[in-house]
Amino acid sequence: MYSWRIKKRKINRLIRLIDTLGLGYKVASNWLDKDKQARDNDGSILYEYYRFGARELEYKIHTCAYVDLFERHGIRKFCKAFCNSDLCMCALRKSARFIRYSDLANGDCCHDKLVNLS
C-alpha cells in the first residue's frame, strides 16, 4: 500500500513532465472544462462567468455546494483542502501560469485564470 507521500511525489513528477513537454495548459484547461460540464449537470458549482480559449481559461464561481457544506459545519476554510485543481495548476511553471484573484474559502467568489505560456 502506497503512502500519501509516495503518491504525491508521483503526481508531482507527472505534472512536471507534462509541464516540461509544454502540455500543462492543454491538459489542465481541458480537465477543468470537463469538470465544469459535470458541475453544470449536477448543479454543485454555479459560475458567474466562464471563458475558455486557446490562450487562457478564466472563471468566476459565486456558489459552491462544498463551501456551503463546510460553512454549515463552521469549518469553511477547510474546504481549500479539497480544491484539487488548485494544486495541479499551481505546480505548472513552464507551460502555464495560474493566477488566483480570490477564492470562496476566504471571500465571496472564486476568481481564477490559467494562461497558456507555450
PDB file of N, CA and C in Angstrom:
ATOM      1  N   MET A   1       0.835  -1.180   0.000  1.00  0.00           N
ATOM      2  CA  MET A   1       0.000   0.000   0.000  1.00  0.00           C
ATOM      3  C   MET A   1       0.880   1.244   0.000  1.00  0.00           C
ATOM      4  N   TYR A   2       0.560   2.166  -0.896  1.00  0.00           N
ATOM      5  CA  TYR A   2       1.338   3.391  -1.012  1.00  0.00           C
ATOM      6  C   TYR A   2       0.970   4.380   0.080  1.00  0.00           C
ATOM      7  N   SER A   3       1.967   5.080   0.530  1.00  0.00           N
ATOM      8  CA  SER A   3       1.684   6.156   1.466  1.00  0.00           C
ATOM      9  C   SER A   3       1.316   7.399   0.663  1.00  0.00           C
ATOM     10  N   TRP A   4       0.736   8.377   1.319  1.00  0.00           N
ATOM     11  CA  TRP A   4       0.341   9.626   0.666  1.00  0.00           C
ATOM     12  C   TRP A   4       1.560  10.342   0.093  1.00  0.00           C
ATOM     13  N   ARG A   5       2.704  10.295   0.776  1.00  0.00           N
ATOM     14  CA  ARG A   5       3.918  10.974   0.272  1.00  0.00           C
ATOM     15  C   ARG A   5       4.386  10.389  -1.051  1.00  0.00           C
ATOM     16  N   ILE A   6       4.350   9.078  -1.165  1.00  0.00           N
ATOM     17  CA  ILE A   6       4.769   8.429  -2.410  1.00  0.00           C
ATOM     18  C   ILE A   6       3.822   8.812  -3.539  1.00  0.00           C
ATOM     19  N   LYS A   7       2.522   8.798  -3.266  1.00  0.00           N
ATOM     20  CA  LYS A   7       1.539   9.189  -4.277  1.00  0.00           C
ATOM     21  C   LYS A   7       1.750  10.636  -4.686  1.00  0.00           C
ATOM     22  N   LYS A   8       1.982  11.504  -3.722  1.00  0.00           N
ATOM     23  CA  LYS A   8       2.183  12.925  -4.014  1.00  0.00           C
ATOM     24  C   LYS A   8       3.429  13.132  -4.878  1.00  0.00           C
ATOM     25  N   ARG A   9       4.511  12.416  -4.573  1.00  0.00           N
ATOM     26  CA  ARG A   9       5.733  12.527  -5.375  1.00  0.00           C
ATOM     27  C   ARG A   9       5.491  12.077  -6.810  1.00  0.00           C
ATOM     28  N   LYS A  10       4.747  11.001  -6.991  1.00  0.00           N
ATOM     29  CA  LYS A  10       4.448  10.504  -8.341  1.00  0.00           C
ATOM     30  C   LYS A  10       3.590  11.512  -9.106  1.00  0.00           C
ATOM     31  N   ILE A  11       2.614  12.079  -8.440  1.00  0.00           N
ATOM     32  CA  ILE A  11       1.761  13.086  -9.074  1.00  0.00           C
ATOM     33  C   ILE A  11       2.589  14.307  -9.453  1.00  0.00           C
ATOM     34  N   ASN A  12       3.458  14.757  -8.563  1.00  0.00           N
ATOM     35  CA  ASN A  12       4.298  15.916  -8.856  1.00  0.00           C
ATOM     36  C   ASN A  12       5.227  15.648 -10.035  1.00  0.00           C
ATOM     37  N   ARG A  13       5.782  14.448 -10.125  1.00  0.00           N
ATOM     38  CA  ARG A  13       6.643  14.090 -11.265  1.00  0.00           C
ATOM     39  C   ARG A  13       5.848  14.112 -12.571  1.00  0.00           C
ATOM     40  N   LEU A  14       4.645  13.585 -12.529  1.00  0.00           N
ATOM     41  CA  LEU A  14       3.796  13.577 -13.720  1.00  0.00           C
ATOM     42  C   LEU A  14       3.462  15.007 -14.150  1.00  0.00           C
ATOM     43  N   ILE A  15       3.118  15.855 -13.204  1.00  0.00           N
ATOM     44  CA  ILE A  15       2.805  17.256 -13.522  1.00  0.00           C
ATOM     45  C   ILE A  15       4.035  17.949 -14.110  1.00  0.00           C
ATOM     46  N   ARG A  16       5.219  17.717 -13.523  1.00  0.00           N
ATOM     47  CA  ARG A  16       6.451  18.326 -14.054  1.00  0.00           C
ATOM     48  C   ARG A  16       6.730  17.854 -15.479  1.00  0.00           C
ATOM     49  N   LEU A  17       6.513  16.574 -15.754  1.00  0.00           N
ATOM     50  CA  LEU A  17       6.722  16.043 -17.096  1.00  0.00           C
ATOM     51  C   LEU A  17       5.770  16.707 -18.087  1.00  0.00           C
ATOM     52  N   ILE A  18       4.509  16.762 -17.740  1.00  0.00           N
ATOM     53  CA  ILE A  18       3.506  17.396 -18.602  1.00  0.00           C
ATOM     54  C   ILE A  18       3.877  18.863 -18.836  1.00  0.00           C
ATOM     55  N   ASP A  19       4.314  19.540 -17.793  1.00  0.00           N
ATOM     56  CA  ASP A  19       4.705  20.940 -17.883  1.00  0.00           C
ATOM     57  C   ASP A  19       5.930  21.103 -18.782  1.00  0.00           C
ATOM     58  N   THR A  20       6.931  20.248 -18.604  1.00  0.00           N
ATOM     59  CA  THR A  20       8.161  20.309 -19.394  1.00  0.00           C
ATOM     60  C   THR A  20       7.882  20.071 -20.879  1.00  0.00           C
ATOM     61  N   LEU A  21       6.957  19.201 -21.181  1.00  0.00           N
ATOM     62  CA  LEU A  21       6.594  18.923 -22.565  1.00  0.00           C
ATOM     63  C   LEU A  21       5.751  20.031 -23.193  1.00  0.00           C
ATOM     64  N   GLY A  22       5.407  21.048 -22.408  1.00  0.00           N
ATOM     65  CA  GLY A  22       4.614  22.166 -22.926  1.00  0.00           C
ATOM     66  C   GLY A  22       3.133  21.868 -23.017  1.00  0.00           C
ATOM     67  N   LEU A  23       2.682  20.845 -22.310  1.00  0.00           N
ATOM     68  CA  LEU A  23       1.280  20.425 -22.392  1.00  0.00           C
ATOM     69  C   LEU A  23       0.455  20.819 -21.180  1.00  0.00           C
ATOM     70  N   GLY A  24       1.044  21.556 -20.248  1.00  0.00           N
ATOM     71  CA  GLY A  24       0.357  21.888 -18.999  1.00  0.00           C
ATOM     72  C   GLY A  24      -0.954  22.612 -19.190  1.00  0.00           C
ATOM     73  N   TYR A  25      -0.944  23.652 -20.014  1.00  0.00           N
ATOM     74  CA  TYR A  25      -2.186  24.406 -20.232  1.00  0.00           C
ATOM     75  C   TYR A  25      -3.242  23.524 -20.882  1.00  0.00           C
ATOM     76  N   LYS A  26      -2.837  22.789 -21.897  1.00  0.00           N
ATOM     77  CA  LYS A  26      -3.797  21.953 -22.629  1.00  0.00           C
ATOM     78  C   LYS A  26      -4.442  20.918 -21.704  1.00  0.00           C
ATOM     79  N   VAL A  27      -3.616  20.224 -20.936  1.00  0.00           N
ATOM     80  CA  VAL A  27      -4.133  19.179 -20.044  1.00  0.00           C
ATOM     81  C   VAL A  27      -5.010  19.787 -18.950  1.00  0.00           C
ATOM     82  N   ALA A  28      -4.506  20.832 -18.276  1.00  0.00           N
ATOM     83  CA  ALA A  28      -5.251  21.430 -17.159  1.00  0.00           C
ATOM     84  C   ALA A  28      -6.537  22.096 -17.623  1.00  0.00           C
ATOM     85  N   SER A  29      -6.483  22.851 -18.726  1.00  0.00           N
ATOM     86  CA  SER A  29      -7.686  23.551 -19.184  1.00  0.00           C
ATOM     87  C   SER A  29      -8.754  22.579 -19.676  1.00  0.00           C
ATOM     88  N   ASN A  30      -8.332  21.521 -20.370  1.00  0.00           N
ATOM     89  CA  ASN A  30      -9.308  20.519 -20.817  1.00  0.00           C
ATOM     90  C   ASN A  30      -9.929  19.784 -19.635  1.00  0.00           C
ATOM     91  N   TRP A  31      -9.111  19.470 -18.629  1.00  0.00           N
ATOM     92  CA  TRP A  31      -9.629  18.822 -17.430  1.00  0.00           C
ATOM     93  C   TRP A  31     -10.624  19.741 -16.712  1.00  0.00           C
ATOM     94  N   LEU A  32     -10.283  21.028 -16.588  1.00  0.00           N
ATOM     95  CA  LEU A  32     -11.188  21.979 -15.938  1.00  0.00           C
ATOM     96  C   LEU A  32     -12.481  22.154 -16.728  1.00  0.00           C
ATOM     97  N   ASP A  33     -12.377  22.142 -18.051  1.00  0.00           N
ATOM     98  CA  ASP A  33     -13.574  22.285 -18.880  1.00  0.00           C
ATOM     99  C   ASP A  33     -14.501  21.081 -18.701  1.00  0.00           C
ATOM    100  N   LYS A  34     -13.945  19.885 -18.656  1.00  0.00           N
ATOM    101  CA  LYS A  34     -14.766  18.682 -18.418  1.00  0.00           C
ATOM    102  C   LYS A  34     -15.375  18.713 -17.020  1.00  0.00           C
ATOM    103  N   ASP A  35     -14.602  19.202 -16.054  1.00  0.00           N
ATOM    104  CA  ASP A  35     -15.119  19.315 -14.691  1.00  0.00           C
ATOM    105  C   ASP A  35     -16.269  20.318 -14.632  1.00  0.00           C
ATOM    106  N   LYS A  36     -16.143  21.419 -15.349  1.00  0.00           N
ATOM    107  CA  LYS A  36     -17.228  22.415 -15.384  1.00  0.00           C
ATOM    108  C   LYS A  36     -18.499  21.806 -15.957  1.00  0.00           C
ATOM    109  N   GLN A  37     -18.361  21.036 -17.019  1.00  0.00           N
ATOM    110  CA  GLN A  37     -19.537  20.396 -17.615  1.00  0.00           C
ATOM    111  C   GLN A  37     -20.223  19.469 -16.614  1.00  0.00           C
ATOM    112  N   ALA A  38     -19.434  18.730 -15.852  1.00  0.00           N
ATOM    113  CA  ALA A  38     -20.012  17.838 -14.830  1.00  0.00           C
ATOM    114  C   ALA A  38     -20.700  18.655 -13.742  1.00  0.00           C
ATOM    115  N   ARG A  39     -20.078  19.760 -13.330  1.00  0.00           N
ATOM    116  CA  ARG A  39     -20.667  20.618 -12.285  1.00  0.00           C
ATOM    117  C   ARG A  39     -21.929  21.305 -12.780  1.00  0.00           C
ATOM    118  N   ASP A  40     -21.966  21.661 -14.055  1.00  0.00           N
ATOM    119  CA  ASP A  40     -23.189  22.228 -14.631  1.00  0.00           C
ATOM    120  C   ASP A  40     -24.322  21.207 -14.575  1.00  0.00           C
ATOM    121  N   ASN A  41     -23.984  19.951 -14.836  1.00  0.00           N
ATOM    122  CA  ASN A  41     -25.004  18.892 -14.828  1.00  0.00           C
ATOM    123  C   ASN A  41     -25.525  18.596 -13.431  1.00  0.00           C
ATOM    124  N   ASP A  42     -24.624  18.602 -12.435  1.00  0.00           N
ATOM    125  CA  ASP A  42     -25.095  18.270 -11.081  1.00  0.00           C
ATOM    126  C   ASP A  42     -25.471  19.495 -10.252  1.00  0.00           C
ATOM    127  N   GLY A  43     -25.152  20.698 -10.744  1.00  0.00           N
ATOM    128  CA  GLY A  43     -25.542  21.926 -10.060  1.00  0.00           C
ATOM    129  C   GLY A  43     -24.746  22.239  -8.802  1.00  0.00           C
ATOM    130  N   SER A  44     -23.629  21.554  -8.595  1.00  0.00           N
ATOM    131  CA  SER A  44     -22.860  21.761  -7.363  1.00  0.00           C
ATOM    132  C   SER A  44     -22.051  23.052  -7.363  1.00  0.00           C
ATOM    133  N   ILE A  45     -21.741  23.571  -8.537  1.00  0.00           N
ATOM    134  CA  ILE A  45     -20.998  24.824  -8.647  1.00  0.00           C
ATOM    135  C   ILE A  45     -21.698  25.699  -9.668  1.00  0.00           C
ATOM    136  N   LEU A  46     -21.901  26.965  -9.311  1.00  0.00           N
ATOM    137  CA  LEU A  46     -22.529  27.913 -10.224  1.00  0.00           C
ATOM    138  C   LEU A  46     -21.511  28.985 -10.604  1.00  0.00           C
ATOM    139  N   TYR A  47     -21.325  29.154 -11.910  1.00  0.00           N
ATOM    140  CA  TYR A  47     -20.350  30.096 -12.444  1.00  0.00           C
ATOM    141  C   TYR A  47     -21.020  31.431 -12.766  1.00  0.00           C
ATOM    142  N   GLU A  48     -20.380  32.511 -12.350  1.00  0.00           N
ATOM    143  CA  GLU A  48     -20.835  33.843 -12.758  1.00  0.00           C
ATOM    144  C   GLU A  48     -20.426  34.068 -14.205  1.00  0.00           C
ATOM    145  N   TYR A  49     -19.191  33.689 -14.532  1.00  0.00           N
ATOM    146  CA  TYR A  49     -18.770  33.639 -15.932  1.00  0.00           C
ATOM    147  C   TYR A  49     -17.672  32.614 -16.100  1.00  0.00           C
ATOM    148  N   TYR A  50     -17.508  32.210 -17.366  1.00  0.00           N
ATOM    149  CA  TYR A  50     -16.553  31.173 -17.706  1.00  0.00           C
ATOM    150  C   TYR A  50     -16.105  31.416 -19.135  1.00  0.00           C
ATOM    151  N   ARG A  51     -14.806  31.608 -19.327  1.00  0.00           N
ATOM    152  CA  ARG A  51     -14.241  31.828 -20.662  1.00  0.00           C
ATOM    153  C   ARG A  51     -13.107  30.831 -20.869  1.00  0.00           C
ATOM    154  N   PHE A  52     -13.168  30.118 -21.991  1.00  0.00           N
ATOM    155  CA  PHE A  52     -12.162  29.103 -22.282  1.00  0.00           C
ATOM    156  C   PHE A  52     -11.734  29.243 -23.732  1.00  0.00           C
ATOM    157  N   GLY A  53     -10.437  29.497 -23.936  1.00  0.00           N
ATOM    158  CA  GLY A  53      -9.897  29.621 -25.281  1.00  0.00           C
ATOM    159  C   GLY A  53      -8.506  29.023 -25.351  1.00  0.00           C
ATOM    160  N   ALA A  54      -7.875  29.169 -26.501  1.00  0.00           N
ATOM    161  CA  ALA A  54      -6.547  28.598 -26.717  1.00  0.00           C
ATOM    162  C   ALA A  54      -5.476  29.277 -25.871  1.00  0.00           C
ATOM    163  N   ARG A  55      -5.667  30.529 -25.511  1.00  0.00           N
ATOM    164  CA  ARG A  55      -4.652  31.276 -24.764  1.00  0.00           C
ATOM    165  C   ARG A  55      -4.911  31.354 -23.265  1.00  0.00           C
ATOM    166  N   GLU A  56      -6.184  31.295 -22.868  1.00  0.00           N
ATOM    167  CA  GLU A  56      -6.452  31.357 -21.428  1.00  0.00           C
ATOM    168  C   GLU A  56      -7.825  30.811 -21.079  1.00  0.00           C
ATOM    169  N   LEU A  57      -7.922  30.398 -19.827  1.00  0.00           N
ATOM    170  CA  LEU A  57      -9.178  29.958 -19.242  1.00  0.00           C
ATOM    171  C   LEU A  57      -9.390  30.820 -18.001  1.00  0.00           C
ATOM    172  N   GLU A  58     -10.536  31.450 -17.910  1.00  0.00           N
ATOM    173  CA  GLU A  58     -10.839  32.288 -16.749  1.00  0.00           C
ATOM    174  C   GLU A  58     -12.260  32.008 -16.303  1.00  0.00           C
ATOM    175  N   TYR A  59     -12.445  31.957 -14.996  1.00  0.00           N
ATOM    176  CA  TYR A  59     -13.778  31.715 -14.466  1.00  0.00           C
ATOM    177  C   TYR A  59     -13.953  32.430 -13.134  1.00  0.00           C
ATOM    178  N   LYS A  60     -15.214  32.644 -12.827  1.00  0.00           N
ATOM    179  CA  LYS A  60     -15.592  33.233 -11.548  1.00  0.00           C
ATOM    180  C   LYS A  60     -16.768  32.426 -11.016  1.00  0.00           C
ATOM    181  N   ILE A  61     -16.570  31.828  -9.852  1.00  0.00           N
ATOM    182  CA  ILE A  61     -17.591  30.985  -9.221  1.00  0.00           C
ATOM    183  C   ILE A  61     -18.180  31.746  -8.045  1.00  0.00           C
ATOM    184  N   HIS A  62     -19.490  31.826  -7.993  1.00  0.00           N
ATOM    185  CA  HIS A  62     -20.122  32.527  -6.869  1.00  0.00           C
ATOM    186  C   HIS A  62     -20.836  31.599  -5.899  1.00  0.00           C
ATOM    187  N   THR A  63     -21.100  30.351  -6.299  1.00  0.00           N
ATOM    188  CA  THR A  63     -21.768  29.408  -5.409  1.00  0.00           C
ATOM    189  C   THR A  63     -21.140  28.029  -5.568  1.00  0.00           C
ATOM    190  N   CYS A  64     -20.813  27.422  -4.436  1.00  0.00           N
ATOM    191  CA  CYS A  64     -20.221  26.083  -4.443  1.00  0.00           C
ATOM    192  C   CYS A  64     -20.861  25.282  -3.307  1.00  0.00           C
ATOM    193  N   ALA A  65     -21.442  24.141  -3.649  1.00  0.00           N
ATOM    194  CA  ALA A  65     -22.109  23.304  -2.647  1.00  0.00           C
ATOM    195  C   ALA A  65     -21.138  22.840  -1.570  1.00  0.00           C
ATOM    196  N   TYR A  66     -19.892  22.635  -1.946  1.00  0.00           N
ATOM    197  CA  TYR A  66     -18.899  22.154  -0.989  1.00  0.00           C
ATOM    198  C   TYR A  66     -18.566  23.238   0.042  1.00  0.00           C
ATOM    199  N   VAL A  67     -18.407  24.456  -0.419  1.00  0.00           N
ATOM    200  CA  VAL A  67     -18.150  25.574   0.501  1.00  0.00           C
ATOM    201  C   VAL A  67     -19.355  25.753   1.423  1.00  0.00           C
ATOM    202  N   ASP A  68     -20.550  25.674   0.854  1.00  0.00           N
ATOM    203  CA  ASP A  68     -21.767  25.813   1.669  1.00  0.00           C
ATOM    204  C   ASP A  68     -21.840  24.733   2.752  1.00  0.00           C
ATOM    205  N   LEU A  69     -21.484  23.508   2.401  1.00  0.00           N
ATOM    206  CA  LEU A  69     -21.483  22.410   3.365  1.00  0.00           C
ATOM    207  C   LEU A  69     -20.498  22.684   4.502  1.00  0.00           C
ATOM    208  N   PHE A  70     -19.294  23.070   4.162  1.00  0.00           N
ATOM    209  CA  PHE A  70     -18.289  23.369   5.185  1.00  0.00           C
ATOM    210  C   PHE A  70     -18.713  24.569   6.037  1.00  0.00           C
ATOM    211  N   GLU A  71     -19.336  25.542   5.409  1.00  0.00           N
ATOM    212  CA  GLU A  71     -19.829  26.725   6.138  1.00  0.00           C
ATOM    213  C   GLU A  71     -20.866  26.315   7.183  1.00  0.00           C
ATOM    214  N   ARG A  72     -21.790  25.431   6.811  1.00  0.00           N
ATOM    215  CA  ARG A  72     -22.823  24.968   7.742  1.00  0.00           C
ATOM    216  C   ARG A  72     -22.239  24.282   8.969  1.00  0.00           C
ATOM    217  N   HIS A  73     -21.069  23.683   8.795  1.00  0.00           N
ATOM    218  CA  HIS A  73     -20.423  22.993   9.905  1.00  0.00           C
ATOM    219  C   HIS A  73     -19.366  23.848  10.607  1.00  0.00           C
ATOM    220  N   GLY A  74     -19.280  25.115  10.195  1.00  0.00           N
ATOM    221  CA  GLY A  74     -18.370  26.056  10.851  1.00  0.00           C
ATOM    222  C   GLY A  74     -16.899  25.862  10.521  1.00  0.00           C
ATOM    223  N   ILE A  75     -16.619  25.195   9.412  1.00  0.00           N
ATOM    224  CA  ILE A  75     -15.216  24.943   9.048  1.00  0.00           C
ATOM    225  C   ILE A  75     -14.957  25.347   7.590  1.00  0.00           C
ATOM    226  N   ARG A  76     -15.470  26.469   7.194  1.00  0.00           N
ATOM    227  CA  ARG A  76     -15.392  26.928   5.803  1.00  0.00           C
ATOM    228  C   ARG A  76     -13.973  26.907   5.233  1.00  0.00           C
ATOM    229  N   LYS A  77     -12.999  27.350   5.992  1.00  0.00           N
ATOM    230  CA  LYS A  77     -11.630  27.448   5.472  1.00  0.00           C
ATOM    231  C   LYS A  77     -11.026  26.085   5.134  1.00  0.00           C
ATOM    232  N   PHE A  78     -11.549  25.017   5.708  1.00  0.00           N
ATOM    233  CA  PHE A  78     -11.021  23.690   5.417  1.00  0.00           C
ATOM    234  C   PHE A  78     -11.391  23.201   4.016  1.00  0.00           C
ATOM    235  N   CYS A  79     -12.357  23.826   3.380  1.00  0.00           N
ATOM    236  CA  CYS A  79     -12.749  23.366   2.044  1.00  0.00           C
ATOM    237  C   CYS A  79     -11.616  23.536   1.040  1.00  0.00           C
ATOM    238  N   LYS A  80     -10.649  24.400   1.303  1.00  0.00           N
ATOM    239  CA  LYS A  80      -9.500  24.570   0.410  1.00  0.00           C
ATOM    240  C   LYS A  80      -8.730  23.267   0.228  1.00  0.00           C
ATOM    241  N   ALA A  81      -8.756  22.410   1.204  1.00  0.00           N
ATOM    242  CA  ALA A  81      -8.031  21.137   1.116  1.00  0.00           C
ATOM    243  C   ALA A  81      -8.606  20.228   0.035  1.00  0.00           C
ATOM    244  N   PHE A  82      -9.808  20.519  -0.438  1.00  0.00           N
ATOM    245  CA  PHE A  82     -10.464  19.660  -1.405  1.00  0.00           C
ATOM    246  C   PHE A  82     -10.520  20.247  -2.809  1.00  0.00           C
ATOM    247  N   CYS A  83      -9.909  21.397  -3.017  1.00  0.00           N
ATOM    248  CA  CYS A  83      -9.846  22.011  -4.352  1.00  0.00           C
ATOM    249  C   CYS A  83      -8.615  21.472  -5.070  1.00  0.00           C
ATOM    250  N   ASN A  84      -8.722  20.271  -5.607  1.00  0.00           N
ATOM    251  CA  ASN A  84      -7.584  19.590  -6.221  1.00  0.00           C
ATOM    252  C   ASN A  84      -7.037  20.314  -7.444  1.00  0.00           C
ATOM    253  N   SER A  85      -7.887  21.014  -8.203  1.00  0.00           N
ATOM    254  CA  SER A  85      -7.404  21.696  -9.394  1.00  0.00           C
ATOM    255  C   SER A  85      -6.388  22.774  -9.042  1.00  0.00           C
ATOM    256  N   ASP A  86      -6.550  23.409  -7.894  1.00  0.00           N
ATOM    257  CA  ASP A  86      -5.592  24.434  -7.471  1.00  0.00           C
ATOM    258  C   ASP A  86      -4.192  23.852  -7.343  1.00  0.00           C
ATOM    259  N   LEU A  87      -4.079  22.689  -6.747  1.00  0.00           N
ATOM    260  CA  LEU A  87      -2.779  22.063  -6.528  1.00  0.00           C
ATOM    261  C   LEU A  87      -2.081  21.772  -7.849  1.00  0.00           C
ATOM    262  N   CYS A  88      -2.812  21.273  -8.829  1.00  0.00           N
ATOM    263  CA  CYS A  88      -2.222  20.959 -10.124  1.00  0.00           C
ATOM    264  C   CYS A  88      -1.831  22.224 -10.874  1.00  0.00           C
ATOM    265  N   MET A  89      -2.697  23.210 -10.886  1.00  0.00           N
ATOM    266  CA  MET A  89      -2.408  24.433 -11.635  1.00  0.00           C
ATOM    267  C   MET A  89      -1.252  25.206 -11.022  1.00  0.00           C
ATOM    268  N   CYS A  90      -1.142  25.215  -9.706  1.00  0.00           N
ATOM    269  CA  CYS A  90      -0.041  25.920  -9.043  1.00  0.00           C
ATOM    270  C   CYS A  90       1.305  25.274  -9.351  1.00  0.00           C
ATOM    271  N   ALA A  91       1.319  23.998  -9.652  1.00  0.00           N
ATOM    272  CA  ALA A  91       2.567  23.282  -9.931  1.00  0.00           C
ATOM    273  C   ALA A  91       3.118  23.588 -11.318  1.00  0.00           C
ATOM    274  N   LEU A  92       2.285  24.098 -12.214  1.00  0.00           N
ATOM    275  CA  LEU A  92       2.733  24.408 -13.570  1.00  0.00           C
ATOM    276  C   LEU A  92       3.613  25.655 -13.548  1.00  0.00           C
ATOM    277  N   ARG A  93       4.770  25.579 -14.198  1.00  0.00           N
ATOM    278  CA  ARG A  93       5.706  26.705 -14.213  1.00  0.00           C
ATOM    279  C   ARG A  93       6.098  27.133 -15.620  1.00  0.00           C
ATOM    280  N   LYS A  94       6.283  26.162 -16.518  1.00  0.00           N
ATOM    281  CA  LYS A  94       6.812  26.451 -17.846  1.00  0.00           C
ATOM    282  C   LYS A  94       5.733  26.658 -18.899  1.00  0.00           C
ATOM    283  N   SER A  95       4.683  25.879 -18.836  1.00  0.00           N
ATOM    284  CA  SER A  95       3.692  25.887 -19.908  1.00  0.00           C
ATOM    285  C   SER A  95       2.434  26.693 -19.595  1.00  0.00           C
ATOM    286  N   ALA A  96       2.249  27.030 -18.335  1.00  0.00           N
ATOM    287  CA  ALA A  96       1.046  27.779 -17.958  1.00  0.00           C
ATOM    288  C   ALA A  96       1.307  28.569 -16.678  1.00  0.00           C
ATOM    289  N   ARG A  97       0.509  29.589 -16.501  1.00  0.00           N
ATOM    290  CA  ARG A  97       0.598  30.403 -15.282  1.00  0.00           C
ATOM    291  C   ARG A  97      -0.784  30.477 -14.649  1.00  0.00           C
ATOM    292  N   PHE A  98      -0.851  30.130 -13.385  1.00  0.00           N
ATOM    293  CA  PHE A  98      -2.098  30.157 -12.624  1.00  0.00           C
ATOM    294  C   PHE A  98      -2.176  31.470 -11.846  1.00  0.00           C
ATOM    295  N   ILE A  99      -3.280  32.175 -11.990  1.00  0.00           N
ATOM    296  CA  ILE A  99      -3.488  33.437 -11.279  1.00  0.00           C
ATOM    297  C   ILE A  99      -4.742  33.297 -10.426  1.00  0.00           C
ATOM    298  N   ARG A 100      -4.605  33.516  -9.143  1.00  0.00           N
ATOM    299  CA  ARG A 100      -5.733  33.464  -8.217  1.00  0.00           C
ATOM    300  C   ARG A 100      -6.040  34.898  -7.782  1.00  0.00           C
ATOM    301  N   TYR A 101      -7.220  35.374  -8.149  1.00  0.00           N
ATOM    302  CA  TYR A 101      -7.659  36.706  -7.736  1.00  0.00           C
ATOM    303  C   TYR A 101      -8.362  36.650  -6.391  1.00  0.00           C
ATOM    304  N   SER A 102      -9.168  35.611  -6.199  1.00  0.00           N
ATOM    305  CA  SER A 102      -9.889  35.432  -4.932  1.00  0.00           C
ATOM    306  C   SER A 102     -10.384  33.994  -4.857  1.00  0.00           C
ATOM    307  N   ASP A 103     -10.733  33.558  -3.643  1.00  0.00           N
ATOM    308  CA  ASP A 103     -11.308  32.222  -3.507  1.00  0.00           C
ATOM    309  C   ASP A 103     -12.505  32.255  -2.562  1.00  0.00           C
ATOM    310  N   LEU A 104     -13.333  31.246  -2.679  1.00  0.00           N
ATOM    311  CA  LEU A 104     -14.564  31.179  -1.889  1.00  0.00           C
ATOM    312  C   LEU A 104     -14.320  30.847  -0.425  1.00  0.00           C
ATOM    313  N   ALA A 105     -13.211  30.226  -0.122  1.00  0.00           N
ATOM    314  CA  ALA A 105     -12.936  29.887   1.274  1.00  0.00           C
ATOM    315  C   ALA A 105     -12.736  31.146   2.117  1.00  0.00           C
ATOM    316  N   ASN A 106     -12.209  32.193   1.488  1.00  0.00           N
ATOM    317  CA  ASN A 106     -11.920  33.432   2.214  1.00  0.00           C
ATOM    318  C   ASN A 106     -12.729  34.632   1.746  1.00  0.00           C
ATOM    319  N   GLY A 107     -13.545  34.466   0.732  1.00  0.00           N
ATOM    320  CA  GLY A 107     -14.276  35.614   0.199  1.00  0.00           C
ATOM    321  C   GLY A 107     -15.615  35.233  -0.385  1.00  0.00           C
ATOM    322  N   ASP A 108     -16.118  36.109  -1.260  1.00  0.00           N
ATOM    323  CA  ASP A 108     -17.456  35.901  -1.801  1.00  0.00           C
ATOM    324  C   ASP A 108     -17.465  35.252  -3.187  1.00  0.00           C
ATOM    325  N   CYS A 109     -16.277  35.026  -3.782  1.00  0.00           N
ATOM    326  CA  CYS A 109     -16.222  34.351  -5.075  1.00  0.00           C
ATOM    327  C   CYS A 109     -14.848  33.713  -5.278  1.00  0.00           C
ATOM    328  N   CYS A 110     -14.800  32.777  -6.198  1.00  0.00           N
ATOM    329  CA  CYS A 110     -13.547  32.168  -6.627  1.00  0.00           C
ATOM    330  C   CYS A 110     -13.290  32.690  -8.030  1.00  0.00           C
ATOM    331  N   HIS A 111     -12.215  33.449  -8.196  1.00  0.00           N
ATOM    332  CA  HIS A 111     -11.890  34.041  -9.489  1.00  0.00           C
ATOM    333  C   HIS A 111     -10.470  33.618  -9.845  1.00  0.00           C
ATOM    334  N   ASP A 112     -10.351  32.754 -10.846  1.00  0.00           N
ATOM    335  CA  ASP A 112      -9.068  32.207 -11.264  1.00  0.00           C
ATOM    336  C   ASP A 112      -8.869  32.388 -12.750  1.00  0.00           C
ATOM    337  N   LYS A 113      -7.583  32.383 -13.136  1.00  0.00           N
ATOM    338  CA  LYS A 113      -7.217  32.425 -14.543  1.00  0.00           C
ATOM    339  C   LYS A 113      -6.039  31.492 -14.764  1.00  0.00           C
ATOM    340  N   LEU A 114      -6.063  30.766 -15.851  1.00  0.00           N
ATOM    341  CA  LEU A 114      -4.954  29.926 -16.266  1.00  0.00           C
ATOM    342  C   LEU A 114      -4.538  30.415 -17.647  1.00  0.00           C
ATOM    343  N   VAL A 115      -3.260  30.841 -17.780  1.00  0.00           N
ATOM    344  CA  VAL A 115      -2.760  31.433 -19.003  1.00  0.00           C
ATOM    345  C   VAL A 115      -1.781  30.472 -19.677  1.00  0.00           C
ATOM    346  N   ASN A 116      -1.944  30.291 -20.965  1.00  0.00           N
ATOM    347  CA  ASN A 116      -1.071  29.426 -21.754  1.00  0.00           C
ATOM    348  C   ASN A 116       0.234  30.159 -22.052  1.00  0.00           C
ATOM    349  N   LEU A 117       1.364  29.593 -21.665  1.00  0.00           N
ATOM    350  CA  LEU A 117       2.672  30.192 -21.918  1.00  0.00           C
ATOM    351  C   LEU A 117       3.406  29.513 -23.070  1.00  0.00           C
ATOM    352  N   SER A 118       2.852  28.444 -23.612  1.00  0.00           N
ATOM    353  CA  SER A 118       3.511  27.692 -24.693  1.00  0.00           C
ATOM    354  C   SER A 118       3.268  28.320 -26.039  1.00  0.00           C
TER     355      SER A 118
END
